[in-house]
Amino acid sequence: MTLMTQTSERSGSPARPVRDTADAFVDRYADLDPLTATSLGLGKRQDELPDLSPAGQQALDDLYRATLATLAGLEEAAGPTGFTDADEGRCARLLRERLQTRLAISAAGEPLRAVSNLFGPPQQVRATFLLMPVATADDWSVIARRLARVPGALAQHRESLAEGARRGLHAAPRQVETVAGQLADWQATGGGAGWFTDFTAGAPADAPASLRSELAVAAGSADAAAAELRDWLLTRYLPAAAGTPDGVGEERYLLGARSWNGAQLDLAEVYDWGWSQYREIWAAMQAEAARVLARATPTEAMAHLDAHGEAVEGVDAVRDRLQELMDTAMASLAGTHFDLADPIKAVEARIAPPGSAAAPYYTGPSQDFSRPGRTWLPTLGRTRFPMWNLYSTWYHEGVPGHHLQIAQWRYLARQLSLYQTSLGGVSACSEGWALYAERLMDELGFLAAPGARLGYLDAQLMRAIRVIVDVGMHLGLPAAPDWAPGAGQPWTPELALEFFAAHSGRPRDFVASEIVRYLSAPGQAISYKLGERAWLAGRAAAQQARGAGFDLKAWHMAALSLGALGLDDLSEELARL
C-alpha cells in the first residue's frame, strides 16, 4: 500500500491528494533524516543518524524536486480554479513555498557553511538523545547503536564544511569560535568525562554488563569525535575562514528571511518598523520601571529585581517552579480560553544540557504523545534564578505559547496533514503565536507578580531589538539617532552587543550568545515580532468583521487548527476565522 492510500484509509475520508503527497514527503524525509523520525515519534530508524555530507544534502534536494513535480501535476489537474478544499489549498501553497525555499538555500551553498550555536548539525545530533526513551535496557540498546554512529555523522558534517571551504563558502570566525567553545563545554561535562559519557550514566543499574560496555565504548567514541571536530574547527577551518564577514549581505539575508518567515520582505520597512517598536516598548518600560522602584530607569529597576525580587535557589527548584507555572496556566486556560484535548494538557519543564545556547527553548511531543512537550532552561552555570523575567518567557515557551500550538498541531495531524503540523513549520507562525501568547497573558492579568510585567516588556523589547540588530548587522545599516553613543554608525556585532546590553535585563553572556545566534541564522531573529504583528492583525480583522459576535476562545482554537502558514498567508487566513 502507498502512504497515500494508508492515510486515506486511516482517516476514513476521501483521498486528499495534496495532503497525502505532503505526508508521503514527511515519510521519505524521515528515512533520510532519522532525527526527524525521533522528533516526531515515528518509530523508525531510531538507532541511525542522517547523512550530513554533501551526498546527504543531494538526496534531500532530489526528494524536494520529486515532490514539487508531483505537486505540479496535482495543481494542473485541479485546473485554474485551484483546490476546492481550503485545507488542500493551504497545504499546496505551504508545500510549494517551503520546498522551493529549501532548494534555493541548498543552491546557495548554505548547508556547506552550517555553523551555528543553536541550529547547527552537531547540536541537532546531540539533542536527539534527549528525546529518546530511556526507561528500559532495550531503550538503551537503541541509544548505544545510535551513539556508535555519532563519529561518522560528525565526520560527514566536517566533510560538508570542507567542501564549502573548497568553494570559498565559509562561516564567519565568530561563529566557529563560539561552536568550538560549546564543544569544549561538552567535553568538560561530567567532570571531564564528556557529555555523551555523562549521558549514558543514566542507564538502568540492572542493565546487562555487555550493554554497559557497549554504551561506554560508543559514548567514549562520540565524545572523542566531538573533541576532534572542535580541534579541526580551530586548527584547520578557522584559519581558512579568516576575513569572512559576520554579516551575510542583502541577497543571502533575503533568502534566510524567506526561509524563516515564509515571505519576501521589504527590509527597509522591517528595519524602520523595528525602530518604531523599540521606541514604543522602551517608553512603556520607563513607566513600568517607576512602579517597581520610584524614579528608577528600566535598567535600574531590573537590577533591583535581580537582587531583591522573587528568586528561586537551586536548579531542581527552578525546574519545579517552572512546572508549577505551566500547570497553573493550563488549569486556568483550559475550558475558558482554549478547548484542549487531554493529551495536550501534559507538558514538562526540563533543564537544558551544558554547552547549550543561552536561550530557553521548547521541544514538541511525539506524534502519539508518549513523549510530552517539554520546555528547556539553560542555566549557564547559575544556581539562583530571579523570577521576574521567567514568567513571560515560560508563557512563551510553554502554556499558552509553543506548547499549545505545537501540541494542537500534533493532535490534528490526521485531520490536516503531518506535513502542515511538523516539517512545514514556519518560524514566523510559531514564534509569532508564542509572542502573541505572552501578550494574551498580560491582557488576562497573569503578570501580577512584582516585576512580572516589566519582564514581559523586557522580552518584548528584546524581540524589537532583534529586528533592528539582525537586519542592521547583516546589511551594514546605520543605527538611528535614538541611541546616542552609536547614532549613525554601521551596525557591528560589538555595537549590537552594547545596544542590547544597555536595554536588557539579561546577563551579558546571554546577550553575547544571542548576537552569535542571529549572525548564524539570518532572518530568524525578526520572525518573532513580524509573526506577532501578523497574529495581531489577523485577530483585529476577525474582531472587526464579527463585531459583538466575536468569540475569542473559538478564534483561538480555529487559529491553532490551521496548521503552519507563512507570513504571505497568515494574517489573511486568521482574518477569515
Protein backbone atom coordinates (compact mmCIF):
# COMPACT_ATOMS: atom_id res chain seq x y z
CA MET A 1 0.00 0.00 0.00
CA THR A 2 1.23 3.51 -0.72
CA LEU A 3 1.35 6.09 2.04
CA MET A 4 -1.39 8.00 0.22
CA THR A 5 -3.73 5.00 0.45
CA GLN A 6 -2.83 4.36 4.08
CA THR A 7 -3.56 7.96 5.04
CA SER A 8 -6.96 7.93 3.39
CA GLU A 9 -7.93 4.64 4.99
CA ARG A 10 -6.83 5.76 8.45
CA SER A 11 -8.85 8.95 8.27
CA GLY A 12 -11.88 7.27 6.74
CA SER A 13 -12.22 10.20 4.35
CA PRO A 14 -11.88 10.52 0.58
CA ALA A 15 -8.36 10.77 -0.81
CA ARG A 16 -6.79 14.16 -0.23
CA PRO A 17 -4.12 14.26 -2.92
CA VAL A 18 -2.13 17.30 -1.74
CA ARG A 19 -2.10 16.37 1.92
CA ASP A 20 -1.33 12.75 1.10
CA THR A 21 1.55 13.90 -1.08
CA ALA A 22 2.79 16.11 1.75
CA ASP A 23 2.63 13.22 4.20
CA ALA A 24 4.44 10.93 1.76
CA PHE A 25 7.14 13.60 1.70
CA VAL A 26 7.41 13.51 5.51
CA ASP A 27 7.72 9.74 5.45
CA ARG A 28 10.52 9.81 2.88
CA TYR A 29 12.21 12.74 4.56
CA ALA A 30 12.26 10.83 7.86
CA ASP A 31 14.01 7.97 6.06
CA LEU A 32 16.74 10.39 5.03
CA ASP A 33 16.78 12.23 8.37
CA PRO A 34 16.22 9.91 11.35
CA LEU A 35 16.45 12.92 13.69
CA THR A 36 13.09 13.99 12.29
CA ALA A 37 11.72 10.49 12.84
CA THR A 38 12.74 10.73 16.50
CA SER A 39 11.41 14.24 16.93
CA LEU A 40 8.01 13.24 15.58
CA GLY A 41 7.99 9.85 17.28
CA LEU A 42 7.55 7.95 14.01
CA GLY A 43 9.18 4.81 15.39
CA LYS A 44 11.62 4.14 12.56
CA ARG A 45 15.39 4.36 12.16
CA GLN A 46 15.74 5.24 15.83
CA ASP A 47 19.30 3.89 16.00
CA GLU A 48 20.52 5.84 12.96
CA LEU A 49 21.64 9.37 12.11
CA PRO A 50 21.30 11.38 8.89
CA ASP A 51 23.98 11.63 6.23
CA LEU A 52 25.44 15.08 6.94
CA SER A 53 27.76 15.01 3.93
CA PRO A 54 27.14 16.77 0.59
CA ALA A 55 25.72 13.48 -0.70
CA GLY A 56 23.10 13.58 2.05
CA GLN A 57 22.06 17.08 1.01
CA GLN A 58 21.83 15.96 -2.61
CA ALA A 59 19.44 13.18 -1.60
CA LEU A 60 17.24 15.74 0.15
CA ASP A 61 17.32 18.02 -2.89
CA ASP A 62 16.23 15.11 -5.11
CA LEU A 63 13.29 14.48 -2.75
CA TYR A 64 12.29 18.16 -2.86
CA ARG A 65 12.29 18.18 -6.67
CA ALA A 66 10.34 14.94 -6.95
CA THR A 67 7.70 16.19 -4.50
CA LEU A 68 7.38 19.51 -6.32
CA ALA A 69 6.88 17.62 -9.59
CA THR A 70 4.07 15.59 -8.03
CA LEU A 71 2.51 18.75 -6.64
CA ALA A 72 2.69 20.44 -10.04
CA GLY A 73 0.72 17.55 -11.54
CA LEU A 74 -1.95 17.88 -8.84
CA GLU A 75 -2.19 21.63 -9.39
CA GLU A 76 -2.58 21.10 -13.14
CA ALA A 77 -5.32 18.55 -12.56
CA ALA A 78 -7.15 20.97 -10.22
CA GLY A 79 -7.42 23.46 -13.06
CA PRO A 80 -7.48 27.26 -12.99
CA THR A 81 -9.92 27.44 -10.07
CA GLY A 82 -7.50 25.56 -7.82
CA PHE A 83 -8.37 23.25 -4.95
CA THR A 84 -11.93 23.50 -3.65
CA ASP A 85 -10.97 22.21 -0.19
CA ALA A 86 -9.45 25.03 1.89
CA ASP A 87 -7.03 22.72 3.74
CA GLU A 88 -5.84 21.29 0.43
CA GLY A 89 -5.19 24.79 -0.90
CA ARG A 90 -3.31 25.88 2.22
CA CYS A 91 -1.22 22.73 2.19
CA ALA A 92 -0.37 23.16 -1.51
CA ARG A 93 0.80 26.75 -1.03
CA LEU A 94 2.83 25.82 2.03
CA LEU A 95 4.44 22.78 0.44
CA ARG A 96 5.42 24.62 -2.71
CA GLU A 97 6.89 27.64 -0.93
CA ARG A 98 8.76 25.58 1.67
CA LEU A 99 10.36 23.18 -0.82
CA GLN A 100 11.26 25.88 -3.31
CA THR A 101 12.91 27.80 -0.50
CA ARG A 102 14.86 24.75 0.65
CA LEU A 103 16.16 24.21 -2.85
CA ALA A 104 17.19 27.85 -3.12
CA ILE A 105 19.06 27.61 0.19
CA SER A 106 20.85 24.48 -0.97
CA ALA A 107 21.75 26.05 -4.32
CA ALA A 108 23.29 28.98 -2.43
CA GLY A 109 25.56 26.55 -0.57
CA GLU A 110 24.21 27.37 2.88
CA PRO A 111 24.38 23.74 4.17
CA LEU A 112 28.12 23.81 3.36
CA ARG A 113 28.75 26.54 5.94
CA ALA A 114 26.25 25.47 8.61
CA VAL A 115 28.00 26.57 11.80
CA SER A 116 25.55 27.77 14.47
CA ASN A 117 25.44 27.80 18.25
CA LEU A 118 21.75 26.81 18.15
CA PHE A 119 20.75 25.39 14.77
CA GLY A 120 23.94 23.54 13.74
CA PRO A 121 24.18 19.82 12.89
CA PRO A 122 26.25 18.87 15.98
CA GLN A 123 23.66 20.48 18.24
CA GLN A 124 20.86 18.64 16.44
CA VAL A 125 22.69 15.31 16.76
CA ARG A 126 23.18 15.76 20.49
CA ALA A 127 19.61 16.97 21.06
CA THR A 128 18.09 13.80 19.59
CA PHE A 129 19.37 11.74 22.53
CA LEU A 130 17.35 13.90 24.92
CA LEU A 131 14.17 12.93 23.03
CA MET A 132 14.74 9.17 23.05
CA PRO A 133 13.06 6.77 25.50
CA VAL A 134 15.34 5.80 28.42
CA ALA A 135 13.14 3.57 30.57
CA THR A 136 14.41 0.09 29.69
CA ALA A 137 17.53 -1.81 28.73
CA ASP A 138 16.10 -2.15 25.21
CA ASP A 139 15.80 1.64 25.02
CA TRP A 140 19.46 1.98 25.97
CA SER A 141 20.46 -0.63 23.44
CA VAL A 142 18.94 1.56 20.72
CA ILE A 143 20.78 4.57 22.18
CA ALA A 144 24.06 2.66 22.14
CA ARG A 145 23.68 1.86 18.45
CA ARG A 146 22.88 5.48 17.61
CA LEU A 147 25.79 6.70 19.78
CA ALA A 148 28.13 4.49 17.77
CA ARG A 149 27.12 6.45 14.65
CA VAL A 150 27.96 9.88 16.09
CA PRO A 151 31.61 9.84 14.94
CA GLY A 152 30.52 9.09 11.38
CA ALA A 153 27.87 11.83 11.41
CA LEU A 154 30.30 14.45 12.73
CA ALA A 155 32.87 13.38 10.13
CA GLN A 156 30.22 13.88 7.42
CA HIS A 157 29.46 17.34 8.81
CA ARG A 158 33.16 18.11 8.62
CA GLU A 159 33.16 16.87 5.03
CA SER A 160 30.40 19.35 4.18
CA LEU A 161 32.27 22.23 5.82
CA ALA A 162 35.45 21.24 3.99
CA GLU A 163 33.59 21.21 0.68
CA GLY A 164 32.20 24.64 1.49
CA ALA A 165 35.70 25.89 2.26
CA ARG A 166 36.95 24.47 -1.04
CA ARG A 167 34.26 26.55 -2.79
CA GLY A 168 35.07 29.65 -0.75
CA LEU A 169 31.90 29.36 1.36
CA HIS A 170 32.96 29.84 4.98
CA ALA A 171 31.16 30.51 8.22
CA ALA A 172 32.41 33.64 9.99
CA PRO A 173 35.20 33.18 12.57
CA ARG A 174 32.97 34.41 15.42
CA GLN A 175 30.55 31.54 14.82
CA VAL A 176 33.36 29.00 14.54
CA GLU A 177 34.96 30.10 17.80
CA THR A 178 31.60 30.02 19.59
CA VAL A 179 30.76 26.50 18.44
CA ALA A 180 34.27 25.31 19.30
CA GLY A 181 33.66 26.73 22.78
CA GLN A 182 30.41 24.82 23.03
CA LEU A 183 32.16 21.60 22.06
CA ALA A 184 34.74 22.30 24.77
CA ASP A 185 31.88 22.67 27.26
CA TRP A 186 30.58 19.30 26.13
CA GLN A 187 33.98 17.80 26.89
CA ALA A 188 34.05 19.36 30.36
CA THR A 189 30.69 17.83 31.33
CA GLY A 190 30.68 15.03 33.87
CA GLY A 191 33.91 16.10 35.49
CA GLY A 192 35.70 15.95 32.15
CA ALA A 193 34.25 12.60 31.10
CA GLY A 194 32.35 14.25 28.24
CA TRP A 195 28.65 14.90 27.63
CA PHE A 196 27.86 11.62 25.86
CA THR A 197 29.61 9.60 28.56
CA ASP A 198 27.81 11.55 31.27
CA PHE A 199 24.51 10.99 29.47
CA THR A 200 24.97 7.20 29.46
CA ALA A 201 25.42 7.24 33.24
CA GLY A 202 21.63 7.35 33.32
CA ALA A 203 21.32 3.78 32.07
CA PRO A 204 19.41 1.44 34.44
CA ALA A 205 21.52 -0.01 37.23
CA ASP A 206 20.37 -3.52 36.31
CA ALA A 207 21.37 -3.20 32.64
CA PRO A 208 23.46 -6.16 31.43
CA ALA A 209 27.22 -5.73 31.69
CA SER A 210 27.53 -6.21 27.93
CA LEU A 211 25.17 -3.27 27.31
CA ARG A 212 27.03 -1.06 29.78
CA SER A 213 30.26 -1.88 27.98
CA GLU A 214 28.68 -1.12 24.60
CA LEU A 215 27.40 2.20 25.91
CA ALA A 216 30.78 3.13 27.39
CA VAL A 217 32.63 2.40 24.15
CA ALA A 218 30.08 4.21 21.96
CA ALA A 219 29.86 7.24 24.27
CA GLY A 220 33.63 7.48 24.53
CA SER A 221 33.92 7.42 20.74
CA ALA A 222 31.21 10.10 20.44
CA ASP A 223 32.98 12.34 22.95
CA ALA A 224 36.28 11.82 21.13
CA ALA A 225 34.62 12.72 17.82
CA ALA A 226 33.22 15.95 19.30
CA ALA A 227 36.70 16.84 20.57
CA GLU A 228 38.17 16.04 17.15
CA LEU A 229 35.61 18.30 15.46
CA ARG A 230 36.45 21.10 17.90
CA ASP A 231 40.17 20.75 17.17
CA TRP A 232 39.59 20.66 13.40
CA LEU A 233 37.44 23.77 13.56
CA LEU A 234 40.13 25.67 15.43
CA THR A 235 43.24 24.44 13.64
CA ARG A 236 42.08 23.85 10.07
CA TYR A 237 38.78 25.58 9.39
CA LEU A 238 39.19 28.78 11.39
CA PRO A 239 42.44 29.96 9.73
CA ALA A 240 40.88 29.48 6.28
CA ALA A 241 37.76 31.37 7.35
CA ALA A 242 39.74 34.44 8.44
CA GLY A 243 38.30 37.60 6.94
CA THR A 244 34.82 36.17 6.36
CA PRO A 245 32.41 38.96 7.38
CA ASP A 246 29.91 38.46 10.17
CA GLY A 247 27.04 39.90 8.12
CA VAL A 248 25.81 37.96 5.11
CA GLY A 249 24.66 40.83 2.87
CA GLU A 250 21.26 41.55 1.37
CA GLU A 251 21.00 38.63 -1.08
CA ARG A 252 21.73 35.92 1.49
CA TYR A 253 19.70 37.73 4.12
CA LEU A 254 16.59 37.84 1.94
CA LEU A 255 16.94 34.11 1.34
CA GLY A 256 17.28 33.41 5.05
CA ALA A 257 14.38 35.71 5.87
CA ARG A 258 12.23 33.88 3.35
CA SER A 259 13.12 30.58 4.99
CA TRP A 260 12.21 31.71 8.50
CA ASN A 261 9.23 33.93 7.62
CA GLY A 262 7.60 32.45 4.53
CA ALA A 263 7.57 35.77 2.71
CA GLN A 264 9.62 38.08 0.51
CA LEU A 265 10.17 41.03 2.83
CA ASP A 266 10.70 44.75 2.35
CA LEU A 267 13.78 45.07 4.56
CA ALA A 268 13.69 48.87 4.72
CA GLU A 269 10.12 48.71 6.05
CA VAL A 270 11.05 45.97 8.51
CA TYR A 271 14.06 47.91 9.82
CA ASP A 272 12.11 51.14 10.29
CA TRP A 273 9.24 49.27 11.96
CA GLY A 274 11.72 47.64 14.35
CA TRP A 275 12.84 51.08 15.48
CA SER A 276 9.25 52.21 15.99
CA GLN A 277 8.60 49.14 18.14
CA TYR A 278 11.75 49.84 20.14
CA ARG A 279 10.61 53.41 20.88
CA GLU A 280 7.10 52.33 21.88
CA ILE A 281 8.20 49.50 24.17
CA TRP A 282 11.06 51.43 25.76
CA ALA A 283 8.60 54.20 26.72
CA ALA A 284 6.30 51.60 28.30
CA MET A 285 9.25 50.14 30.20
CA GLN A 286 10.16 53.51 31.63
CA ALA A 287 6.65 53.88 33.04
CA GLU A 288 6.62 50.31 34.38
CA ALA A 289 10.07 50.71 35.98
CA ALA A 290 8.77 53.54 38.15
CA ARG A 291 6.12 51.17 39.52
CA VAL A 292 8.84 48.72 40.55
CA LEU A 293 11.17 51.31 42.10
CA ALA A 294 10.39 55.00 42.44
CA ARG A 295 12.25 57.21 39.93
CA ALA A 296 14.21 54.20 38.60
CA THR A 297 15.25 53.71 34.99
CA PRO A 298 14.34 50.36 33.40
CA THR A 299 17.88 49.04 33.85
CA GLU A 300 17.93 50.15 37.50
CA ALA A 301 14.54 48.55 38.14
CA MET A 302 15.62 45.28 36.52
CA ALA A 303 18.85 45.25 38.56
CA HIS A 304 16.75 45.84 41.69
CA LEU A 305 14.53 42.88 40.81
CA ASP A 306 17.56 40.70 40.20
CA ALA A 307 18.91 41.49 43.65
CA HIS A 308 15.75 41.88 45.73
CA GLY A 309 12.83 40.37 43.80
CA GLU A 310 11.41 36.87 43.97
CA ALA A 311 14.12 34.31 43.19
CA VAL A 312 14.43 30.53 43.26
CA GLU A 313 17.53 28.88 44.69
CA GLY A 314 18.73 25.68 43.06
CA VAL A 315 18.44 24.07 39.64
CA ASP A 316 15.94 21.42 40.71
CA ALA A 317 13.85 24.04 42.48
CA VAL A 318 13.61 26.31 39.44
CA ARG A 319 12.59 23.37 37.26
CA ASP A 320 9.81 22.59 39.76
CA ARG A 321 8.75 26.25 39.84
CA LEU A 322 8.51 26.42 36.06
CA GLN A 323 6.50 23.20 36.04
CA GLU A 324 4.12 24.72 38.57
CA LEU A 325 3.81 27.85 36.44
CA MET A 326 2.79 25.83 33.37
CA ASP A 327 0.42 23.59 35.33
CA THR A 328 -1.33 26.63 36.79
CA ALA A 329 -1.64 28.29 33.38
CA MET A 330 -3.02 25.07 31.87
CA ALA A 331 -5.62 24.70 34.60
CA SER A 332 -6.69 28.33 34.25
CA LEU A 333 -6.89 28.50 30.45
CA ALA A 334 -8.31 25.09 29.54
CA GLY A 335 -12.05 25.47 29.08
CA THR A 336 -12.01 29.25 29.43
CA HIS A 337 -9.83 30.47 26.56
CA PHE A 338 -8.96 27.16 24.86
CA ASP A 339 -10.74 23.84 24.31
CA LEU A 340 -7.96 21.30 24.76
CA ALA A 341 -7.89 17.55 24.29
CA ASP A 342 -6.50 15.63 27.27
CA PRO A 343 -3.18 14.62 25.63
CA ILE A 344 -2.34 18.30 25.09
CA LYS A 345 -2.57 19.05 28.79
CA ALA A 346 0.72 17.28 29.64
CA VAL A 347 3.90 19.38 29.41
CA GLU A 348 7.21 19.03 31.25
CA ALA A 349 9.83 21.54 32.41
CA ARG A 350 13.42 20.37 31.90
CA ILE A 351 16.93 21.76 32.38
CA ALA A 352 18.95 22.12 29.17
CA PRO A 353 22.27 20.24 29.00
CA PRO A 354 25.60 22.07 29.44
CA GLY A 355 27.03 23.61 26.30
CA SER A 356 23.62 24.76 25.01
CA ALA A 357 22.93 28.20 23.61
CA ALA A 358 21.70 30.68 26.21
CA ALA A 359 18.05 30.97 25.14
CA PRO A 360 15.31 28.74 26.61
CA TYR A 361 13.55 26.53 24.07
CA TYR A 362 10.73 24.02 23.54
CA THR A 363 10.57 20.54 22.03
CA GLY A 364 7.24 19.18 20.85
CA PRO A 365 5.51 15.95 21.83
CA SER A 366 5.86 12.78 19.83
CA GLN A 367 3.10 12.05 17.35
CA ASP A 368 1.41 9.63 19.77
CA PHE A 369 2.04 11.87 22.82
CA SER A 370 4.03 9.13 24.57
CA ARG A 371 6.73 11.81 24.90
CA PRO A 372 5.18 15.07 26.09
CA GLY A 373 6.09 18.56 25.01
CA ARG A 374 8.99 19.96 27.04
CA THR A 375 10.44 23.35 27.89
CA TRP A 376 14.20 23.64 28.46
CA LEU A 377 16.04 26.17 30.64
CA PRO A 378 19.79 26.66 30.06
CA THR A 379 21.29 27.54 33.46
CA LEU A 380 24.64 28.90 32.18
CA GLY A 381 26.18 27.70 35.43
CA ARG A 382 23.76 29.68 37.62
CA THR A 383 22.07 28.30 40.73
CA ARG A 384 19.96 31.37 41.62
CA PHE A 385 17.10 32.33 39.31
CA PRO A 386 15.18 35.62 39.59
CA MET A 387 11.59 35.01 38.55
CA TRP A 388 10.58 38.45 37.24
CA ASN A 389 11.76 37.68 33.70
CA LEU A 390 10.82 33.98 33.67
CA TYR A 391 7.04 34.36 33.92
CA SER A 392 6.53 35.76 30.44
CA THR A 393 9.27 33.55 28.99
CA TRP A 394 7.50 30.39 30.18
CA TYR A 395 4.17 31.59 28.87
CA HIS A 396 6.04 31.90 25.55
CA GLU A 397 7.84 28.55 25.64
CA GLY A 398 5.14 26.54 27.39
CA VAL A 399 1.50 27.46 28.04
CA PRO A 400 -0.21 29.07 26.17
CA GLY A 401 2.73 29.56 23.79
CA HIS A 402 4.67 26.96 21.87
CA HIS A 403 3.17 24.01 23.69
CA LEU A 404 -0.48 24.74 22.93
CA GLN A 405 0.23 25.41 19.26
CA ILE A 406 2.60 22.51 18.58
CA ALA A 407 0.64 20.01 20.68
CA GLN A 408 -2.62 21.05 19.00
CA TRP A 409 -0.94 20.55 15.62
CA ARG A 410 0.21 17.09 16.64
CA TYR A 411 -3.33 16.29 17.74
CA LEU A 412 -4.74 17.41 14.38
CA ALA A 413 -2.09 15.80 12.18
CA ARG A 414 -4.58 13.32 10.69
CA GLN A 415 -7.21 15.98 10.03
CA LEU A 416 -4.73 18.35 8.37
CA SER A 417 -1.51 16.59 7.41
CA LEU A 418 1.62 15.56 9.23
CA TYR A 419 3.48 17.98 6.99
CA GLN A 420 1.40 21.05 7.92
CA THR A 421 1.81 20.22 11.59
CA SER A 422 5.54 19.45 11.64
CA LEU A 423 8.09 19.79 8.82
CA GLY A 424 6.15 22.57 7.12
CA GLY A 425 6.54 24.83 10.15
CA VAL A 426 7.42 28.49 9.63
CA SER A 427 9.21 30.33 12.43
CA ALA A 428 7.12 33.49 12.00
CA CYS A 429 3.93 31.48 12.51
CA SER A 430 5.11 29.61 15.61
CA GLU A 431 7.23 32.33 17.22
CA GLY A 432 4.58 34.89 16.35
CA TRP A 433 1.98 32.80 18.18
CA ALA A 434 4.26 32.42 21.21
CA LEU A 435 4.83 36.18 21.36
CA TYR A 436 1.08 36.71 20.95
CA ALA A 437 0.63 34.28 23.86
CA GLU A 438 2.80 36.46 26.11
CA ARG A 439 0.66 39.47 25.22
CA LEU A 440 -2.51 37.45 25.84
CA MET A 441 -1.36 36.55 29.35
CA ASP A 442 -0.74 40.24 30.02
CA GLU A 443 -4.25 41.03 28.74
CA LEU A 444 -5.72 38.34 31.00
CA GLY A 445 -3.95 39.64 34.12
CA PHE A 446 -1.45 36.82 34.63
CA LEU A 447 1.51 39.19 35.08
CA ALA A 448 0.52 40.46 38.52
CA ALA A 449 3.62 39.25 40.40
CA PRO A 450 6.03 42.08 41.28
CA GLY A 451 8.20 42.84 38.26
CA ALA A 452 6.49 40.28 36.01
CA ARG A 453 5.09 42.90 33.66
CA LEU A 454 8.47 44.60 33.40
CA GLY A 455 9.85 41.17 32.49
CA TYR A 456 7.22 40.89 29.76
CA LEU A 457 8.13 44.30 28.37
CA ASP A 458 11.82 43.41 28.57
CA ALA A 459 11.07 40.31 26.49
CA GLN A 460 9.10 42.41 24.01
CA LEU A 461 11.94 44.91 23.77
CA MET A 462 14.41 42.09 23.14
CA ARG A 463 12.35 40.99 20.12
CA ALA A 464 12.21 44.56 18.78
CA ILE A 465 15.97 44.91 19.24
CA ARG A 466 16.37 41.65 17.36
CA VAL A 467 14.68 43.21 14.35
CA ILE A 468 16.98 46.23 14.47
CA VAL A 469 20.30 44.48 15.00
CA ASP A 470 19.60 41.43 12.84
CA VAL A 471 18.76 43.46 9.74
CA GLY A 472 21.32 46.08 10.72
CA MET A 473 24.29 43.74 11.23
CA HIS A 474 23.70 41.65 8.14
CA LEU A 475 23.13 44.63 5.84
CA GLY A 476 25.55 47.05 7.49
CA LEU A 477 22.84 49.68 8.06
CA PRO A 478 23.42 52.75 10.25
CA ALA A 479 21.92 52.99 13.72
CA ALA A 480 19.16 55.54 14.15
CA PRO A 481 19.73 58.65 16.30
CA ASP A 482 17.75 57.11 19.20
CA TRP A 483 20.85 55.61 20.73
CA ALA A 484 23.30 58.42 21.18
CA PRO A 485 26.60 56.50 21.58
CA GLY A 486 26.04 54.63 18.32
CA ALA A 487 23.91 57.06 16.31
CA GLY A 488 24.65 56.83 12.60
CA GLN A 489 27.31 54.14 12.99
CA PRO A 490 27.03 50.98 10.87
CA TRP A 491 25.89 48.04 12.94
CA THR A 492 28.60 45.59 14.00
CA PRO A 493 28.33 42.70 16.45
CA GLU A 494 30.17 44.78 19.03
CA LEU A 495 27.81 47.73 18.63
CA ALA A 496 24.81 45.40 18.70
CA LEU A 497 26.09 43.85 21.93
CA GLU A 498 26.39 47.24 23.59
CA PHE A 499 22.95 48.35 22.37
CA PHE A 500 21.34 45.12 23.52
CA ALA A 501 23.10 45.11 26.90
CA ALA A 502 22.13 48.74 27.55
CA HIS A 503 18.44 47.90 27.09
CA SER A 504 18.15 44.43 28.59
CA GLY A 505 17.80 42.87 31.99
CA ARG A 506 19.58 39.76 30.79
CA PRO A 507 23.18 38.81 31.66
CA ARG A 508 25.89 39.87 29.24
CA ASP A 509 26.82 36.25 28.40
CA PHE A 510 23.21 35.66 27.35
CA VAL A 511 23.28 38.72 25.11
CA ALA A 512 26.60 37.67 23.56
CA SER A 513 25.18 34.22 22.79
CA GLU A 514 22.15 35.85 21.19
CA ILE A 515 24.26 38.02 18.89
CA VAL A 516 26.13 34.98 17.57
CA ARG A 517 22.84 33.17 17.12
CA TYR A 518 21.48 35.99 14.94
CA LEU A 519 24.61 36.04 12.82
CA SER A 520 24.39 32.30 12.16
CA ALA A 521 20.69 32.30 11.19
CA PRO A 522 19.96 35.45 9.18
CA GLY A 523 16.27 36.35 9.24
CA GLN A 524 15.29 34.08 12.14
CA ALA A 525 15.52 36.79 14.81
CA ILE A 526 12.99 39.03 13.06
CA SER A 527 10.37 36.27 12.79
CA TYR A 528 9.11 36.81 16.36
CA LYS A 529 7.88 40.39 16.05
CA LEU A 530 6.85 40.03 12.40
CA GLY A 531 4.89 36.93 13.29
CA GLU A 532 3.24 38.61 16.26
CA ARG A 533 2.30 41.56 14.03
CA ALA A 534 0.55 39.15 11.67
CA TRP A 535 -1.29 37.35 14.51
CA LEU A 536 -2.47 40.64 15.99
CA ALA A 537 -3.58 41.97 12.59
CA GLY A 538 -5.50 38.76 11.90
CA ARG A 539 -7.28 38.88 15.26
CA ALA A 540 -8.13 42.56 14.87
CA ALA A 541 -9.61 41.96 11.40
CA ALA A 542 -11.64 38.99 12.65
CA GLN A 543 -12.97 41.05 15.58
CA GLN A 544 -13.94 43.89 13.28
CA ALA A 545 -15.70 41.54 10.87
CA ARG A 546 -17.67 39.69 13.58
CA GLY A 547 -18.31 42.59 15.92
CA ALA A 548 -20.21 41.61 19.07
CA GLY A 549 -20.34 38.01 17.84
CA PHE A 550 -16.57 37.57 18.05
CA ASP A 551 -15.66 34.66 20.36
CA LEU A 552 -12.01 34.76 21.43
CA LYS A 553 -11.89 31.12 22.55
CA ALA A 554 -13.41 29.91 19.28
CA TRP A 555 -10.98 32.11 17.34
CA HIS A 556 -8.01 30.74 19.26
CA MET A 557 -8.97 27.14 18.53
CA ALA A 558 -9.73 27.82 14.86
CA ALA A 559 -6.43 29.66 14.50
CA LEU A 560 -4.47 26.83 16.13
CA SER A 561 -6.21 24.36 13.82
CA LEU A 562 -4.97 25.88 10.56
CA GLY A 563 -1.51 24.29 10.72
CA ALA A 564 1.62 26.11 9.66
CA LEU A 565 1.40 29.21 7.47
CA GLY A 566 3.93 31.66 6.11
CA LEU A 567 3.56 35.41 6.50
CA ASP A 568 2.26 35.64 2.94
CA ASP A 569 -0.90 33.81 4.12
CA LEU A 570 -1.10 34.17 7.90
CA SER A 571 -2.97 37.44 8.54
CA GLU A 572 -5.45 36.85 5.72
CA GLU A 573 -6.28 33.34 6.92
CA LEU A 574 -6.65 34.48 10.54
CA ALA A 575 -8.93 37.34 9.49
CA ARG A 576 -11.40 34.88 7.94
CA LEU A 577 -11.97 32.97 11.19
